[in-house]
């Protein structure tokens, strides 16, 4: 798979930063409250945000490809 528009680095960095944010918030919240449900919720949000960023950037790549064809 080629990265013709050079979005891979931005996509990966953004996905890691957002996922790490949710993971850190979840761990910090768990340390304060000892509520495992809160930890699981934030870890699930980290995974969902990772997937969401990947989907958004796939759409951006398709949009850029369609602009190149015109």
N, C-alpha and C. Protein backbone atom coordinates (compact mmCIF):
# COMPACT_ATOMS: atom_id res chain seq x y z
N UNK A 1 0.85 -1.17 0.00
CA UNK A 1 0.00 0.00 0.00
C UNK A 1 0.89 1.24 0.00
N UNK A 2 0.67 2.11 -0.94
CA UNK A 2 1.51 3.30 -1.04
C UNK A 2 0.89 4.46 -0.27
N UNK A 3 1.75 5.38 0.09
CA UNK A 3 1.32 6.57 0.83
C UNK A 3 1.62 7.78 -0.06
N UNK A 4 0.82 7.94 -1.11
CA UNK A 4 1.08 8.97 -2.11
C UNK A 4 0.93 10.38 -1.56
N UNK A 5 0.10 10.56 -0.54
CA UNK A 5 -0.16 11.90 -0.01
C UNK A 5 0.58 12.16 1.30
N UNK A 6 1.44 11.24 1.69
CA UNK A 6 2.26 11.38 2.91
C UNK A 6 1.42 11.65 4.16
N UNK A 7 0.34 10.91 4.31
CA UNK A 7 -0.52 11.08 5.49
C UNK A 7 -0.26 10.00 6.55
N UNK A 8 0.54 9.01 6.23
CA UNK A 8 0.75 7.90 7.17
C UNK A 8 1.38 8.37 8.47
N UNK A 9 2.38 9.23 8.40
CA UNK A 9 3.06 9.68 9.61
C UNK A 9 2.11 10.50 10.48
N UNK A 10 1.33 11.38 9.86
CA UNK A 10 0.37 12.20 10.61
C UNK A 10 -0.69 11.31 11.23
N UNK A 11 -1.20 10.36 10.45
CA UNK A 11 -2.23 9.44 10.94
C UNK A 11 -1.74 8.65 12.15
N UNK A 12 -0.55 8.09 12.04
CA UNK A 12 -0.01 7.28 13.13
C UNK A 12 0.24 8.12 14.38
N UNK A 13 0.81 9.30 14.20
CA UNK A 13 1.09 10.16 15.35
C UNK A 13 -0.20 10.58 16.04
N UNK A 14 -1.18 11.00 15.27
CA UNK A 14 -2.45 11.42 15.85
C UNK A 14 -3.16 10.27 16.56
N UNK A 15 -3.15 9.09 15.95
CA UNK A 15 -3.79 7.93 16.56
C UNK A 15 -3.12 7.56 17.88
N UNK A 16 -1.79 7.60 17.91
CA UNK A 16 -1.06 7.25 19.13
C UNK A 16 -1.32 8.27 20.23
N UNK A 17 -1.29 9.55 19.88
CA UNK A 17 -1.49 10.60 20.89
C UNK A 17 -2.89 10.52 21.50
N UNK A 18 -3.90 10.38 20.66
CA UNK A 18 -5.28 10.32 21.18
C UNK A 18 -5.50 9.05 22.01
N UNK A 19 -5.01 7.93 21.54
CA UNK A 19 -5.17 6.68 22.28
C UNK A 19 -4.41 6.72 23.60
N UNK A 20 -3.21 7.27 23.58
CA UNK A 20 -2.43 7.37 24.81
C UNK A 20 -3.12 8.29 25.81
N UNK A 21 -3.75 9.36 25.33
CA UNK A 21 -4.48 10.26 26.22
C UNK A 21 -5.58 9.51 26.97
N UNK A 22 -6.39 8.75 26.23
CA UNK A 22 -7.47 8.01 26.88
C UNK A 22 -6.92 6.94 27.83
N UNK A 23 -5.84 6.30 27.46
CA UNK A 23 -5.24 5.28 28.33
C UNK A 23 -4.71 5.91 29.61
N UNK A 24 -4.05 7.05 29.51
CA UNK A 24 -3.50 7.72 30.69
C UNK A 24 -4.63 8.20 31.60
N UNK A 25 -5.67 8.76 31.02
CA UNK A 25 -6.81 9.21 31.83
C UNK A 25 -7.46 8.02 32.53
N UNK A 26 -7.57 6.91 31.84
CA UNK A 26 -8.15 5.71 32.44
C UNK A 26 -7.32 5.17 33.59
N UNK A 27 -6.02 5.11 33.41
CA UNK A 27 -5.14 4.60 34.48
C UNK A 27 -5.14 5.56 35.67
N UNK A 28 -5.08 6.86 35.40
CA UNK A 28 -5.11 7.84 36.49
C UNK A 28 -6.43 7.77 37.25
N UNK A 29 -7.52 7.62 36.52
CA UNK A 29 -8.82 7.50 37.17
C UNK A 29 -8.93 6.22 38.00
N UNK A 30 -8.36 5.15 37.47
CA UNK A 30 -8.39 3.88 38.21
C UNK A 30 -7.57 3.99 39.50
N UNK A 31 -6.45 4.68 39.44
CA UNK A 31 -5.62 4.84 40.64
C UNK A 31 -6.33 5.65 41.70
N UNK A 32 -7.16 6.60 41.29
CA UNK A 32 -7.88 7.43 42.25
C UNK A 32 -9.11 6.72 42.82
N UNK A 33 -9.83 5.98 41.94
CA UNK A 33 -11.12 5.43 42.37
C UNK A 33 -11.11 3.92 42.58
N UNK A 34 -10.12 3.23 42.05
CA UNK A 34 -10.05 1.76 42.09
C UNK A 34 -11.28 1.12 41.44
N UNK A 35 -11.83 1.81 40.44
CA UNK A 35 -13.00 1.31 39.74
C UNK A 35 -12.55 0.68 38.42
N UNK A 36 -12.57 -0.66 38.34
CA UNK A 36 -12.09 -1.30 37.11
C UNK A 36 -12.99 -1.03 35.90
N UNK A 37 -14.26 -0.72 36.13
CA UNK A 37 -15.16 -0.41 35.03
C UNK A 37 -14.74 0.88 34.33
N UNK A 38 -14.30 1.85 35.11
CA UNK A 38 -13.83 3.11 34.54
C UNK A 38 -12.56 2.87 33.71
N UNK A 39 -11.67 2.05 34.20
CA UNK A 39 -10.45 1.73 33.46
C UNK A 39 -10.80 1.04 32.15
N UNK A 40 -11.69 0.07 32.18
CA UNK A 40 -12.09 -0.64 30.96
C UNK A 40 -12.75 0.30 29.96
N UNK A 41 -13.56 1.22 30.45
CA UNK A 41 -14.22 2.18 29.57
C UNK A 41 -13.20 3.04 28.83
N UNK A 42 -12.23 3.56 29.54
CA UNK A 42 -11.23 4.42 28.91
C UNK A 42 -10.29 3.63 28.00
N UNK A 43 -9.99 2.39 28.34
CA UNK A 43 -9.16 1.58 27.45
C UNK A 43 -9.94 1.25 26.17
N UNK A 44 -11.24 1.01 26.31
CA UNK A 44 -12.07 0.79 25.12
C UNK A 44 -12.14 2.05 24.28
N UNK A 45 -12.23 3.22 24.91
CA UNK A 45 -12.22 4.48 24.18
C UNK A 45 -10.90 4.68 23.45
N UNK A 46 -9.81 4.23 24.03
CA UNK A 46 -8.50 4.33 23.38
C UNK A 46 -8.49 3.51 22.09
N UNK A 47 -9.04 2.30 22.15
CA UNK A 47 -9.08 1.45 20.96
C UNK A 47 -10.02 2.02 19.91
N UNK A 48 -11.18 2.49 20.34
CA UNK A 48 -12.15 3.06 19.41
C UNK A 48 -11.57 4.31 18.74
N UNK A 49 -10.87 5.14 19.50
CA UNK A 49 -10.29 6.35 18.90
C UNK A 49 -9.21 5.99 17.90
N UNK A 50 -8.46 4.94 18.16
CA UNK A 50 -7.44 4.47 17.22
C UNK A 50 -8.09 4.06 15.89
N UNK A 51 -9.14 3.28 15.98
CA UNK A 51 -9.85 2.82 14.78
C UNK A 51 -10.51 4.01 14.07
N UNK A 52 -11.09 4.92 14.81
CA UNK A 52 -11.75 6.07 14.22
C UNK A 52 -10.77 6.95 13.45
N UNK A 53 -9.60 7.18 14.00
CA UNK A 53 -8.59 7.98 13.30
C UNK A 53 -8.17 7.28 12.00
N UNK A 54 -8.01 5.96 12.06
CA UNK A 54 -7.64 5.22 10.85
C UNK A 54 -8.72 5.35 9.77
N UNK A 55 -9.98 5.26 10.17
CA UNK A 55 -11.08 5.37 9.21
C UNK A 55 -11.14 6.78 8.62
N UNK A 56 -10.99 7.80 9.45
CA UNK A 56 -11.02 9.18 8.96
C UNK A 56 -9.91 9.42 7.96
N UNK A 57 -8.71 8.94 8.25
CA UNK A 57 -7.60 9.18 7.33
C UNK A 57 -7.73 8.35 6.05
N UNK A 58 -8.39 7.21 6.13
CA UNK A 58 -8.67 6.47 4.90
C UNK A 58 -9.59 7.28 3.99
N UNK A 59 -10.57 7.93 4.59
CA UNK A 59 -11.47 8.80 3.84
C UNK A 59 -10.74 10.01 3.27
N UNK A 60 -9.84 10.58 4.05
CA UNK A 60 -9.06 11.71 3.56
C UNK A 60 -8.19 11.29 2.38
N UNK A 61 -7.58 10.12 2.47
CA UNK A 61 -6.76 9.62 1.35
C UNK A 61 -7.61 9.42 0.09
N UNK A 62 -8.82 8.87 0.26
CA UNK A 62 -9.71 8.68 -0.90
C UNK A 62 -10.11 10.03 -1.50
N UNK A 63 -10.39 10.99 -0.65
CA UNK A 63 -10.74 12.33 -1.12
C UNK A 63 -9.59 12.94 -1.89
N UNK A 64 -8.37 12.84 -1.37
CA UNK A 64 -7.20 13.36 -2.07
C UNK A 64 -6.96 12.64 -3.39
N UNK A 65 -7.21 11.33 -3.40
CA UNK A 65 -7.07 10.56 -4.66
C UNK A 65 -8.08 11.05 -5.70
N UNK A 66 -9.30 11.33 -5.26
CA UNK A 66 -10.32 11.78 -6.23
C UNK A 66 -9.99 13.18 -6.75
N UNK A 67 -9.36 14.01 -5.93
CA UNK A 67 -8.96 15.33 -6.39
C UNK A 67 -7.81 15.25 -7.39
N UNK A 68 -6.94 14.24 -7.21
CA UNK A 68 -5.82 14.06 -8.14
C UNK A 68 -6.31 13.62 -9.51
N UNK A 69 -7.40 12.86 -9.57
CA UNK A 69 -7.90 12.34 -10.84
C UNK A 69 -8.56 13.43 -11.68
N UNK A 70 -9.04 14.47 -11.05
CA UNK A 70 -9.75 15.54 -11.78
C UNK A 70 -8.79 16.54 -12.38
